[in-house]
Protein backbone atom coordinates (compact mmCIF):
# COMPACT_ATOMS: atom_id res chain seq x y z
CA VAL A 1 -11.88 12.53 -5.96
CA GLN A 2 -9.82 10.23 -3.75
CA LEU A 3 -7.62 7.56 -5.29
CA GLN A 4 -6.34 4.33 -3.77
CA ALA A 5 -3.62 2.46 -5.64
CA SER A 6 -2.47 -1.09 -5.03
CA GLY A 7 -0.43 -3.84 -6.64
CA GLY A 8 3.12 -2.62 -6.30
CA GLY A 9 5.88 -4.90 -5.15
CA SER A 10 9.19 -6.47 -6.04
CA VAL A 11 9.84 -8.55 -9.12
CA GLN A 12 12.80 -9.77 -11.12
CA ALA A 13 13.59 -8.33 -14.54
CA GLY A 14 11.36 -9.85 -17.17
CA GLY A 15 8.51 -10.35 -14.74
CA SER A 16 5.08 -8.77 -14.59
CA LEU A 17 3.00 -6.76 -12.14
CA ARG A 18 -0.46 -5.28 -12.31
CA LEU A 19 -1.33 -2.03 -10.61
CA SER A 20 -4.90 -1.09 -9.78
CA CYS A 21 -6.42 2.20 -8.72
CA VAL A 22 -9.92 2.84 -7.45
CA ALA A 23 -11.45 6.30 -7.23
CA SER A 24 -14.14 7.43 -4.82
CA GLY A 25 -16.11 10.64 -4.50
CA GLY A 26 -17.27 12.38 -7.67
CA ILE A 27 -16.32 9.52 -9.95
CA TYR A 28 -18.97 10.41 -12.50
CA ASN A 29 -17.07 13.59 -13.28
CA ILE A 30 -13.85 11.73 -14.14
CA ASN A 31 -12.54 12.12 -17.68
CA ASP A 32 -8.98 10.86 -18.13
CA MET A 33 -7.22 8.47 -15.77
CA GLY A 34 -3.54 7.69 -15.85
CA TRP A 35 -0.34 6.54 -14.26
CA TYR A 36 2.82 8.51 -13.56
CA ARG A 37 6.04 7.40 -11.93
CA GLN A 38 8.86 9.04 -10.07
CA VAL A 39 12.37 8.00 -9.18
CA PRO A 40 13.98 9.85 -6.24
CA GLY A 41 15.85 12.88 -7.51
CA LYS A 42 14.05 12.90 -10.85
CA GLN A 43 10.92 14.55 -12.16
CA ARG A 44 7.64 12.70 -12.16
CA GLU A 45 6.93 11.36 -15.65
CA LEU A 46 3.86 10.18 -17.49
CA VAL A 47 3.65 6.41 -17.98
CA ALA A 48 0.24 6.01 -19.60
CA ILE A 49 -3.09 7.74 -19.83
CA ILE A 50 -6.55 6.62 -20.93
CA THR A 51 -9.50 8.84 -21.77
CA ASP A 52 -13.12 8.19 -20.86
CA THR A 53 -13.66 6.97 -24.43
CA GLY A 54 -10.78 4.47 -24.21
CA SER A 55 -8.08 6.29 -26.17
CA THR A 56 -4.62 5.61 -24.77
CA ASN A 57 -1.22 7.23 -24.81
CA TYR A 58 2.03 5.72 -23.54
CA ALA A 59 5.52 6.89 -22.79
CA ASP A 60 7.92 5.61 -25.43
CA SER A 61 9.84 3.68 -22.79
CA VAL A 62 6.85 1.47 -21.94
CA LYS A 63 5.16 1.05 -25.34
CA GLY A 64 4.64 -2.61 -26.16
CA ARG A 65 5.24 -3.66 -22.54
CA PHE A 66 2.58 -1.86 -20.47
CA ILE A 67 -1.16 -1.83 -20.99
CA ILE A 68 -3.51 0.67 -19.37
CA SER A 69 -7.19 -0.13 -19.06
CA ARG A 70 -10.25 1.07 -17.25
CA GLY A 71 -12.33 -1.34 -15.23
CA GLY A 72 -15.99 -2.08 -15.59
CA ALA A 73 -16.79 0.27 -12.75
CA LYS A 74 -16.29 3.93 -13.51
CA GLY A 75 -13.36 5.26 -11.61
CA THR A 76 -11.12 2.19 -11.87
CA VAL A 77 -7.87 2.08 -13.82
CA ARG A 78 -5.28 -0.66 -14.13
CA LEU A 79 -1.75 -0.86 -15.46
CA GLN A 80 -0.52 -4.25 -16.63
CA MET A 81 3.27 -4.14 -16.66
CA ASN A 82 5.10 -6.88 -18.57
CA SER A 83 8.75 -7.47 -19.40
CA LEU A 84 9.74 -5.27 -16.49
CA ARG A 85 13.22 -3.79 -16.43
CA PRO A 86 15.30 -2.39 -13.58
CA ASP A 87 14.78 1.12 -14.95
CA ASP A 88 11.03 0.70 -14.37
CA THR A 89 11.75 0.88 -10.63
CA ALA A 90 9.85 3.85 -9.26
CA VAL A 91 6.91 4.97 -7.18
CA TYR A 92 3.83 4.80 -9.40
CA TYR A 93 0.97 7.25 -8.95
CA CYS A 94 -2.50 7.03 -10.42
CA THR A 95 -4.37 10.14 -11.49
CA ALA A 96 -7.92 11.13 -12.28
CA THR A 97 -8.90 14.28 -14.14
CA THR A 98 -12.11 16.14 -13.43
CA TRP A 99 -11.92 19.91 -13.27
CA ARG A 100 -8.52 19.29 -11.71
CA VAL A 101 -6.05 16.43 -11.47
CA SER A 102 -6.28 14.22 -8.38
CA TRP A 103 -3.35 12.04 -7.32
CA GLY A 104 -3.21 8.75 -5.48
CA GLN A 105 -0.74 8.02 -2.71
CA GLY A 106 1.77 6.09 -4.80
CA THR A 107 2.79 2.47 -4.86
CA LEU A 108 6.40 1.28 -5.07
CA VAL A 109 7.54 -1.00 -7.87
CA THR A 110 11.01 -2.50 -7.57
CA VAL A 111 12.55 -4.49 -10.41
CA SER A 112 15.79 -6.32 -9.70
CA SER A 113 18.25 -7.53 -12.29
């Protein structure tokens, strides 16, 4: 499975961004899809995950602000990010789980105060 993420950019604190990720190749074998993020010098951390049945799980730091959803087409996942804070600044990666976890190339989100 190959993943292509888009939608990153720069925004002021309190603003919103929406990330999208489209999978190709073997998409009918995808179970969970998710988003992780990484700040330079820190470990990559889970932001949100959604199963193929629509169950979701969020990091405590983003609960109530971020919404993960899957698109109408299988193999599409979005992350609506609201009330962004400077500590949300990171490279965001989408993932898709089949028999293994596939990673997208990452998209940079920068939130300024």
